[in-house]
Full PDB file with SEQRES, HELIX, SHEET, SSBOND, CRYST1, ORIGX, SCALE, CONECT and MASTER records, all heavy atoms in Angstrom:
SEQRES   1 A   33  ILE GLN LYS SER LEU GLY ALA LYS ASN PHE PHE ILE LEU          
SEQRES   2 A   33  PHE GLN PHE LEU PHE GLU ALA VAL PHE LEU CYS LEU LEU          
SEQRES   3 A   33  GLY GLY ALA THR GLY ILE PHE                                  
HELIX    1 AA1 ASN A    9  ILE A   32  1                                  24    
CRYST1    1.000    1.000    1.000  90.00  90.00  90.00 P 1           1          
ORIGX1      1.000000  0.000000  0.000000        0.00000                         
ORIGX2      0.000000  1.000000  0.000000        0.00000                         
ORIGX3      0.000000  0.000000  1.000000        0.00000                         
SCALE1      1.000000  0.000000  0.000000        0.00000                         
SCALE2      0.000000  1.000000  0.000000        0.00000                         
SCALE3      0.000000  0.000000  1.000000        0.00000                         
ATOM      1  N   ILE A   1      77.661 -73.758   8.418  1.00  0.00           N  
ATOM      2  CA  ILE A   1      76.823 -72.647   8.235  1.00  0.00           C  
ATOM      3  C   ILE A   1      77.603 -71.366   8.470  1.00  0.00           C  
ATOM      4  O   ILE A   1      77.508 -70.378   7.674  1.00  0.00           O  
ATOM      5  CB  ILE A   1      75.617 -72.789   9.207  1.00  0.00           C  
ATOM      6  CG1 ILE A   1      74.705 -73.947   8.802  1.00  0.00           C  
ATOM      7  CG2 ILE A   1      74.777 -71.420   9.182  1.00  0.00           C  
ATOM      8  CD1 ILE A   1      73.587 -74.149   9.745  1.00  0.00           C  
ATOM      9  N   GLN A   2      78.368 -71.350   9.497  1.00  0.00           N  
ATOM     10  CA  GLN A   2      79.175 -70.066   9.866  1.00  0.00           C  
ATOM     11  C   GLN A   2      80.144 -69.788   8.709  1.00  0.00           C  
ATOM     12  O   GLN A   2      80.300 -68.693   8.255  1.00  0.00           O  
ATOM     13  CB  GLN A   2      79.959 -70.291  11.152  1.00  0.00           C  
ATOM     14  CG  GLN A   2      79.123 -70.216  12.358  1.00  0.00           C  
ATOM     15  CD  GLN A   2      79.915 -70.410  13.655  1.00  0.00           C  
ATOM     16  OE1 GLN A   2      80.868 -71.176  13.692  1.00  0.00           O  
ATOM     17  NE2 GLN A   2      79.502 -69.743  14.722  1.00  0.00           N  
ATOM     18  N   LYS A   3      80.828 -70.862   8.118  1.00  0.00           N  
ATOM     19  CA  LYS A   3      81.811 -70.621   7.126  1.00  0.00           C  
ATOM     20  C   LYS A   3      81.153 -70.223   5.802  1.00  0.00           C  
ATOM     21  O   LYS A   3      81.633 -69.418   5.043  1.00  0.00           O  
ATOM     22  CB  LYS A   3      82.677 -71.892   6.903  1.00  0.00           C  
ATOM     23  CG  LYS A   3      83.495 -72.221   8.149  1.00  0.00           C  
ATOM     24  CD  LYS A   3      84.521 -73.282   7.833  1.00  0.00           C  
ATOM     25  CE  LYS A   3      85.744 -72.695   7.172  1.00  0.00           C  
ATOM     26  NZ  LYS A   3      86.806 -73.652   7.041  1.00  0.00           N  
ATOM     27  N   SER A   4      79.914 -70.843   5.523  1.00  0.00           N  
ATOM     28  CA  SER A   4      79.207 -70.427   4.303  1.00  0.00           C  
ATOM     29  C   SER A   4      78.724 -69.031   4.346  1.00  0.00           C  
ATOM     30  O   SER A   4      78.497 -68.359   3.318  1.00  0.00           O  
ATOM     31  CB  SER A   4      78.025 -71.325   4.043  1.00  0.00           C  
ATOM     32  OG  SER A   4      77.047 -71.289   5.174  1.00  0.00           O  
ATOM     33  N   LEU A   5      78.488 -68.474   5.582  1.00  0.00           N  
ATOM     34  CA  LEU A   5      78.115 -67.087   5.753  1.00  0.00           C  
ATOM     35  C   LEU A   5      79.223 -66.106   5.807  1.00  0.00           C  
ATOM     36  O   LEU A   5      79.076 -64.920   5.981  1.00  0.00           O  
ATOM     37  CB  LEU A   5      77.231 -66.920   7.010  1.00  0.00           C  
ATOM     38  CG  LEU A   5      75.887 -67.683   6.965  1.00  0.00           C  
ATOM     39  CD1 LEU A   5      75.166 -67.495   8.323  1.00  0.00           C  
ATOM     40  CD2 LEU A   5      74.953 -67.095   5.896  1.00  0.00           C  
ATOM     41  N   GLY A   6      80.484 -66.634   5.669  1.00  0.00           N  
ATOM     42  CA  GLY A   6      81.630 -65.780   5.500  1.00  0.00           C  
ATOM     43  C   GLY A   6      82.581 -65.779   6.731  1.00  0.00           C  
ATOM     44  O   GLY A   6      83.488 -64.940   6.776  1.00  0.00           O  
ATOM     45  N   ALA A   7      82.356 -66.693   7.640  1.00  0.00           N  
ATOM     46  CA  ALA A   7      83.205 -66.704   8.860  1.00  0.00           C  
ATOM     47  C   ALA A   7      84.597 -67.207   8.445  1.00  0.00           C  
ATOM     48  O   ALA A   7      84.820 -68.176   7.630  1.00  0.00           O  
ATOM     49  CB  ALA A   7      82.681 -67.670   9.884  1.00  0.00           C  
ATOM     50  N   LYS A   8      85.591 -66.429   8.835  1.00  0.00           N  
ATOM     51  CA  LYS A   8      87.024 -66.818   8.519  1.00  0.00           C  
ATOM     52  C   LYS A   8      87.473 -67.994   9.348  1.00  0.00           C  
ATOM     53  O   LYS A   8      86.930 -68.325  10.415  1.00  0.00           O  
ATOM     54  CB  LYS A   8      87.960 -65.583   8.728  1.00  0.00           C  
ATOM     55  CG  LYS A   8      87.549 -64.356   7.967  1.00  0.00           C  
ATOM     56  CD  LYS A   8      87.623 -64.591   6.490  1.00  0.00           C  
ATOM     57  CE  LYS A   8      87.325 -63.298   5.657  1.00  0.00           C  
ATOM     58  NZ  LYS A   8      87.447 -63.487   4.203  1.00  0.00           N  
ATOM     59  N   ASN A   9      88.576 -68.611   8.895  1.00  0.00           N  
ATOM     60  CA  ASN A   9      89.145 -69.737   9.643  1.00  0.00           C  
ATOM     61  C   ASN A   9      89.603 -69.315  11.028  1.00  0.00           C  
ATOM     62  O   ASN A   9      89.451 -70.084  11.930  1.00  0.00           O  
ATOM     63  CB  ASN A   9      90.373 -70.384   8.801  1.00  0.00           C  
ATOM     64  CG  ASN A   9      89.868 -71.130   7.630  1.00  0.00           C  
ATOM     65  OD1 ASN A   9      88.640 -71.365   7.438  1.00  0.00           O  
ATOM     66  ND2 ASN A   9      90.748 -71.517   6.790  1.00  0.00           N  
ATOM     67  N   PHE A  10      90.198 -68.099  11.159  1.00  0.00           N  
ATOM     68  CA  PHE A  10      90.701 -67.709  12.406  1.00  0.00           C  
ATOM     69  C   PHE A  10      89.645 -67.476  13.435  1.00  0.00           C  
ATOM     70  O   PHE A  10      89.793 -67.687  14.621  1.00  0.00           O  
ATOM     71  CB  PHE A  10      91.567 -66.412  12.234  1.00  0.00           C  
ATOM     72  CG  PHE A  10      90.757 -65.191  12.088  1.00  0.00           C  
ATOM     73  CD1 PHE A  10      90.324 -64.454  13.174  1.00  0.00           C  
ATOM     74  CD2 PHE A  10      90.437 -64.683  10.822  1.00  0.00           C  
ATOM     75  CE1 PHE A  10      89.624 -63.308  13.033  1.00  0.00           C  
ATOM     76  CE2 PHE A  10      89.752 -63.576  10.665  1.00  0.00           C  
ATOM     77  CZ  PHE A  10      89.307 -62.819  11.739  1.00  0.00           C  
ATOM     78  N   PHE A  11      88.381 -67.140  12.880  1.00  0.00           N  
ATOM     79  CA  PHE A  11      87.218 -66.969  13.815  1.00  0.00           C  
ATOM     80  C   PHE A  11      86.820 -68.333  14.414  1.00  0.00           C  
ATOM     81  O   PHE A  11      86.574 -68.429  15.596  1.00  0.00           O  
ATOM     82  CB  PHE A  11      86.061 -66.363  12.997  1.00  0.00           C  
ATOM     83  CG  PHE A  11      84.814 -66.249  13.795  1.00  0.00           C  
ATOM     84  CD1 PHE A  11      84.600 -65.279  14.779  1.00  0.00           C  
ATOM     85  CD2 PHE A  11      83.791 -67.225  13.680  1.00  0.00           C  
ATOM     86  CE1 PHE A  11      83.485 -65.177  15.457  1.00  0.00           C  
ATOM     87  CE2 PHE A  11      82.646 -67.148  14.434  1.00  0.00           C  
ATOM     88  CZ  PHE A  11      82.483 -66.140  15.331  1.00  0.00           C  
ATOM     89  N   ILE A  12      86.740 -69.364  13.606  1.00  0.00           N  
ATOM     90  CA  ILE A  12      86.453 -70.690  14.048  1.00  0.00           C  
ATOM     91  C   ILE A  12      87.509 -71.178  15.019  1.00  0.00           C  
ATOM     92  O   ILE A  12      87.249 -71.780  16.068  1.00  0.00           O  
ATOM     93  CB  ILE A  12      86.251 -71.630  12.885  1.00  0.00           C  
ATOM     94  CG1 ILE A  12      85.208 -71.155  11.883  1.00  0.00           C  
ATOM     95  CG2 ILE A  12      85.827 -73.048  13.402  1.00  0.00           C  
ATOM     96  CD1 ILE A  12      83.827 -70.944  12.452  1.00  0.00           C  
ATOM     97  N   LEU A  13      88.793 -70.969  14.632  1.00  0.00           N  
ATOM     98  CA  LEU A  13      89.899 -71.424  15.413  1.00  0.00           C  
ATOM     99  C   LEU A  13      89.853 -70.761  16.777  1.00  0.00           C  
ATOM    100  O   LEU A  13      89.960 -71.424  17.866  1.00  0.00           O  
ATOM    101  CB  LEU A  13      91.253 -71.093  14.696  1.00  0.00           C  
ATOM    102  CG  LEU A  13      92.535 -71.362  15.509  1.00  0.00           C  
ATOM    103  CD1 LEU A  13      92.730 -72.889  15.562  1.00  0.00           C  
ATOM    104  CD2 LEU A  13      93.737 -70.761  14.814  1.00  0.00           C  
ATOM    105  N   PHE A  14      89.659 -69.424  16.790  1.00  0.00           N  
ATOM    106  CA  PHE A  14      89.641 -68.727  18.085  1.00  0.00           C  
ATOM    107  C   PHE A  14      88.475 -69.139  18.970  1.00  0.00           C  
ATOM    108  O   PHE A  14      88.583 -69.231  20.136  1.00  0.00           O  
ATOM    109  CB  PHE A  14      89.584 -67.186  17.772  1.00  0.00           C  
ATOM    110  CG  PHE A  14      89.651 -66.350  18.982  1.00  0.00           C  
ATOM    111  CD1 PHE A  14      90.802 -66.027  19.628  1.00  0.00           C  
ATOM    112  CD2 PHE A  14      88.467 -65.843  19.608  1.00  0.00           C  
ATOM    113  CE1 PHE A  14      90.860 -65.289  20.808  1.00  0.00           C  
ATOM    114  CE2 PHE A  14      88.488 -65.114  20.670  1.00  0.00           C  
ATOM    115  CZ  PHE A  14      89.691 -64.769  21.275  1.00  0.00           C  
ATOM    116  N   GLN A  15      87.389 -69.431  18.232  1.00  0.00           N  
ATOM    117  CA  GLN A  15      86.128 -69.806  18.985  1.00  0.00           C  
ATOM    118  C   GLN A  15      86.366 -71.009  19.830  1.00  0.00           C  
ATOM    119  O   GLN A  15      86.035 -71.122  21.007  1.00  0.00           O  
ATOM    120  CB  GLN A  15      85.024 -70.008  17.970  1.00  0.00           C  
ATOM    121  CG  GLN A  15      83.686 -70.270  18.585  1.00  0.00           C  
ATOM    122  CD  GLN A  15      82.646 -70.554  17.436  1.00  0.00           C  
ATOM    123  OE1 GLN A  15      82.302 -71.681  17.160  1.00  0.00           O  
ATOM    124  NE2 GLN A  15      82.210 -69.458  16.740  1.00  0.00           N  
ATOM    125  N   PHE A  16      86.919 -72.082  19.200  1.00  0.00           N  
ATOM    126  CA  PHE A  16      87.145 -73.334  19.918  1.00  0.00           C  
ATOM    127  C   PHE A  16      88.333 -73.292  20.913  1.00  0.00           C  
ATOM    128  O   PHE A  16      88.329 -73.858  21.967  1.00  0.00           O  
ATOM    129  CB  PHE A  16      87.369 -74.491  18.930  1.00  0.00           C  
ATOM    130  CG  PHE A  16      86.075 -74.973  18.251  1.00  0.00           C  
ATOM    131  CD1 PHE A  16      85.659 -74.428  17.109  1.00  0.00           C  
ATOM    132  CD2 PHE A  16      85.301 -75.932  18.902  1.00  0.00           C  
ATOM    133  CE1 PHE A  16      84.394 -74.866  16.527  1.00  0.00           C  
ATOM    134  CE2 PHE A  16      84.122 -76.376  18.305  1.00  0.00           C  
ATOM    135  CZ  PHE A  16      83.708 -75.884  17.128  1.00  0.00           C  
ATOM    136  N   LEU A  17      89.328 -72.525  20.503  1.00  0.00           N  
ATOM    137  CA  LEU A  17      90.499 -72.303  21.418  1.00  0.00           C  
ATOM    138  C   LEU A  17      90.083 -71.584  22.667  1.00  0.00           C  
ATOM    139  O   LEU A  17      90.523 -71.968  23.740  1.00  0.00           O  
ATOM    140  CB  LEU A  17      91.624 -71.599  20.693  1.00  0.00           C  
ATOM    141  CG  LEU A  17      93.007 -71.632  21.253  1.00  0.00           C  
ATOM    142  CD1 LEU A  17      93.431 -73.088  21.306  1.00  0.00           C  
ATOM    143  CD2 LEU A  17      94.002 -70.855  20.442  1.00  0.00           C  
ATOM    144  N   PHE A  18      89.246 -70.581  22.483  1.00  0.00           N  
ATOM    145  CA  PHE A  18      88.781 -69.771  23.637  1.00  0.00           C  
ATOM    146  C   PHE A  18      87.940 -70.688  24.524  1.00  0.00           C  
ATOM    147  O   PHE A  18      88.023 -70.636  25.799  1.00  0.00           O  
ATOM    148  CB  PHE A  18      87.995 -68.558  23.214  1.00  0.00           C  
ATOM    149  CG  PHE A  18      87.473 -67.717  24.371  1.00  0.00           C  
ATOM    150  CD1 PHE A  18      88.265 -66.762  24.922  1.00  0.00           C  
ATOM    151  CD2 PHE A  18      86.234 -67.950  24.887  1.00  0.00           C  
ATOM    152  CE1 PHE A  18      87.858 -66.021  25.973  1.00  0.00           C  
ATOM    153  CE2 PHE A  18      85.716 -67.210  25.928  1.00  0.00           C  
ATOM    154  CZ  PHE A  18      86.540 -66.246  26.486  1.00  0.00           C  
ATOM    155  N   GLU A  19      87.109 -71.554  23.935  1.00  0.00           N  
ATOM    156  CA  GLU A  19      86.256 -72.467  24.723  1.00  0.00           C  
ATOM    157  C   GLU A  19      87.096 -73.330  25.566  1.00  0.00           C  
ATOM    158  O   GLU A  19      86.849 -73.619  26.754  1.00  0.00           O  
ATOM    159  CB  GLU A  19      85.460 -73.261  23.790  1.00  0.00           C  
ATOM    160  CG  GLU A  19      84.469 -74.142  24.462  1.00  0.00           C  
ATOM    161  CD  GLU A  19      83.563 -74.941  23.596  1.00  0.00           C  
ATOM    162  OE1 GLU A  19      83.259 -74.356  22.448  1.00  0.00           O  
ATOM    163  OE2 GLU A  19      83.022 -76.054  23.937  1.00  0.00           O  
ATOM    164  N   ALA A  20      88.237 -73.913  24.983  1.00  0.00           N  
ATOM    165  CA  ALA A  20      89.137 -74.796  25.730  1.00  0.00           C  
ATOM    166  C   ALA A  20      89.788 -74.059  26.899  1.00  0.00           C  
ATOM    167  O   ALA A  20      89.900 -74.539  28.040  1.00  0.00           O  
ATOM    168  CB  ALA A  20      90.174 -75.385  24.823  1.00  0.00           C  
ATOM    169  N   VAL A  21      90.272 -72.842  26.636  1.00  0.00           N  
ATOM    170  CA  VAL A  21      90.924 -72.061  27.644  1.00  0.00           C  
ATOM    171  C   VAL A  21      89.951 -71.717  28.716  1.00  0.00           C  
ATOM    172  O   VAL A  21      90.220 -71.711  29.893  1.00  0.00           O  
ATOM    173  CB  VAL A  21      91.501 -70.717  27.053  1.00  0.00           C  
ATOM    174  CG1 VAL A  21      92.029 -69.783  28.102  1.00  0.00           C  
ATOM    175  CG2 VAL A  21      92.689 -71.092  26.084  1.00  0.00           C  
ATOM    176  N   PHE A  22      88.718 -71.287  28.360  1.00  0.00           N  
ATOM    177  CA  PHE A  22      87.708 -70.940  29.360  1.00  0.00           C  
ATOM    178  C   PHE A  22      87.404 -72.123  30.289  1.00  0.00           C  
ATOM    179  O   PHE A  22      87.295 -71.970  31.498  1.00  0.00           O  
ATOM    180  CB  PHE A  22      86.430 -70.514  28.681  1.00  0.00           C  
ATOM    181  CG  PHE A  22      85.239 -70.312  29.524  1.00  0.00           C  
ATOM    182  CD1 PHE A  22      85.207 -69.176  30.410  1.00  0.00           C  
ATOM    183  CD2 PHE A  22      84.267 -71.234  29.622  1.00  0.00           C  
ATOM    184  CE1 PHE A  22      84.121 -69.018  31.277  1.00  0.00           C  
ATOM    185  CE2 PHE A  22      83.146 -71.052  30.451  1.00  0.00           C  
ATOM    186  CZ  PHE A  22      83.073 -69.948  31.241  1.00  0.00           C  
ATOM    187  N   LEU A  23      87.273 -73.327  29.708  1.00  0.00           N  
ATOM    188  CA  LEU A  23      86.981 -74.526  30.536  1.00  0.00           C  
ATOM    189  C   LEU A  23      88.121 -74.850  31.465  1.00  0.00           C  
ATOM    190  O   LEU A  23      87.880 -75.128  32.663  1.00  0.00           O  
ATOM    191  CB  LEU A  23      86.673 -75.697  29.662  1.00  0.00           C  
ATOM    192  CG  LEU A  23      85.383 -75.590  28.795  1.00  0.00           C  
ATOM    193  CD1 LEU A  23      85.328 -76.851  27.881  1.00  0.00           C  
ATOM    194  CD2 LEU A  23      84.201 -75.547  29.667  1.00  0.00           C  
ATOM    195  N   CYS A  24      89.314 -74.727  30.950  1.00  0.00           N  
ATOM    196  CA  CYS A  24      90.483 -74.887  31.784  1.00  0.00           C  
ATOM    197  C   CYS A  24      90.622 -73.893  32.919  1.00  0.00           C  
ATOM    198  O   CYS A  24      91.019 -74.176  34.093  1.00  0.00           O  
ATOM    199  CB  CYS A  24      91.799 -74.977  30.993  1.00  0.00           C  
ATOM    200  SG  CYS A  24      92.103 -76.458  30.138  1.00  0.00           S  
ATOM    201  N   LEU A  25      90.328 -72.633  32.591  1.00  0.00           N  
ATOM    202  CA  LEU A  25      90.342 -71.588  33.617  1.00  0.00           C  
ATOM    203  C   LEU A  25      89.323 -71.830  34.681  1.00  0.00           C  
ATOM    204  O   LEU A  25      89.613 -71.574  35.877  1.00  0.00           O  
ATOM    205  CB  LEU A  25      90.168 -70.198  32.906  1.00  0.00           C  
ATOM    206  CG  LEU A  25      91.382 -69.506  32.410  1.00  0.00           C  
ATOM    207  CD1 LEU A  25      90.957 -68.216  31.664  1.00  0.00           C  
ATOM    208  CD2 LEU A  25      92.360 -69.215  33.512  1.00  0.00           C  
ATOM    209  N   LEU A  26      88.186 -72.295  34.304  1.00  0.00           N  
ATOM    210  CA  LEU A  26      87.116 -72.632  35.185  1.00  0.00           C  
ATOM    211  C   LEU A  26      87.590 -73.723  36.155  1.00  0.00           C  
ATOM    212  O   LEU A  26      87.431 -73.665  37.432  1.00  0.00           O  
ATOM    213  CB  LEU A  26      85.839 -73.031  34.513  1.00  0.00           C  
ATOM    214  CG  LEU A  26      84.614 -73.217  35.413  1.00  0.00           C  
ATOM    215  CD1 LEU A  26      84.288 -71.989  36.089  1.00  0.00           C  
ATOM    216  CD2 LEU A  26      83.399 -73.686  34.504  1.00  0.00           C  
ATOM    217  N   GLY A  27      88.199 -74.759  35.627  1.00  0.00           N  
ATOM    218  CA  GLY A  27      88.668 -75.910  36.444  1.00  0.00           C  
ATOM    219  C   GLY A  27      89.816 -75.455  37.299  1.00  0.00           C  
ATOM    220  O   GLY A  27      89.952 -75.839  38.502  1.00  0.00           O  
ATOM    221  N   GLY A  28      90.737 -74.623  36.735  1.00  0.00           N  
ATOM    222  CA  GLY A  28      91.902 -74.134  37.508  1.00  0.00           C  
ATOM    223  C   GLY A  28      91.485 -73.215  38.642  1.00  0.00           C  
ATOM    224  O   GLY A  28      92.041 -73.353  39.773  1.00  0.00           O  
ATOM    225  N   ALA A  29      90.482 -72.393  38.399  1.00  0.00           N  
ATOM    226  CA  ALA A  29      90.046 -71.489  39.471  1.00  0.00           C  
ATOM    227  C   ALA A  29      89.390 -72.223  40.597  1.00  0.00           C  
ATOM    228  O   ALA A  29      89.605 -71.945  41.744  1.00  0.00           O  
ATOM    229  CB  ALA A  29      89.046 -70.480  38.878  1.00  0.00           C  
ATOM    230  N   THR A  30      88.690 -73.330  40.187  1.00  0.00           N  
ATOM    231  CA  THR A  30      88.086 -74.189  41.238  1.00  0.00           C  
ATOM    232  C   THR A  30      89.189 -74.834  42.140  1.00  0.00           C  
ATOM    233  O   THR A  30      89.074 -74.912  43.350  1.00  0.00           O  
ATOM    234  CB  THR A  30      87.212 -75.237  40.623  1.00  0.00           C  
ATOM    235  OG1 THR A  30      86.277 -74.660  39.827  1.00  0.00           O  
ATOM    236  CG2 THR A  30      86.520 -76.107  41.677  1.00  0.00           C  
ATOM    237  N   GLY A  31      90.240 -75.285  41.428  1.00  0.00           N  
ATOM    238  CA  GLY A  31      91.393 -75.924  42.115  1.00  0.00           C  
ATOM    239  C   GLY A  31      92.009 -74.929  43.116  1.00  0.00           C  
ATOM    240  O   GLY A  31      92.374 -75.273  44.255  1.00  0.00           O  
ATOM    241  N   ILE A  32      92.281 -73.690  42.636  1.00  0.00           N  
ATOM    242  CA  ILE A  32      92.843 -72.619  43.415  1.00  0.00           C  
ATOM    243  C   ILE A  32      92.032 -72.327  44.639  1.00  0.00           C  
ATOM    244  O   ILE A  32      92.439 -72.099  45.762  1.00  0.00           O  
ATOM    245  CB  ILE A  32      93.122 -71.441  42.646  1.00  0.00           C  
ATOM    246  CG1 ILE A  32      94.214 -71.775  41.590  1.00  0.00           C  
ATOM    247  CG2 ILE A  32      93.636 -70.221  43.550  1.00  0.00           C  
ATOM    248  CD1 ILE A  32      94.481 -70.576  40.589  1.00  0.00           C  
ATOM    249  N   PHE A  33      90.713 -72.287  44.404  1.00  0.00           N  
ATOM    250  CA  PHE A  33      89.707 -72.023  45.476  1.00  0.00           C  
ATOM    251  C   PHE A  33      89.776 -73.088  46.574  1.00  0.00           C  
ATOM    252  O   PHE A  33      89.775 -72.798  47.764  1.00  0.00           O  
ATOM    253  CB  PHE A  33      88.309 -71.938  44.925  1.00  0.00           C  
ATOM    254  CG  PHE A  33      87.260 -71.701  45.999  1.00  0.00           C  
ATOM    255  CD1 PHE A  33      87.066 -70.465  46.610  1.00  0.00           C  
ATOM    256  CD2 PHE A  33      86.384 -72.722  46.352  1.00  0.00           C  
ATOM    257  CE1 PHE A  33      86.145 -70.285  47.597  1.00  0.00           C  
ATOM    258  CE2 PHE A  33      85.421 -72.565  47.314  1.00  0.00           C  
ATOM    259  CZ  PHE A  33      85.261 -71.367  47.957  1.00  0.00           C  
TER     260      PHE A  33                                                      
MASTER        0    0    0    1    0    0    0    6  259    1    0    3          
END                                                                             
């Protein structure tokens, strides 16, 4: 649906990549704590 509405490939790529980085940062911050 996002791509049919005009979302670019880089938007989808960044969306999932950011999600992975966010999850890892959350886990890493917990480990540091």
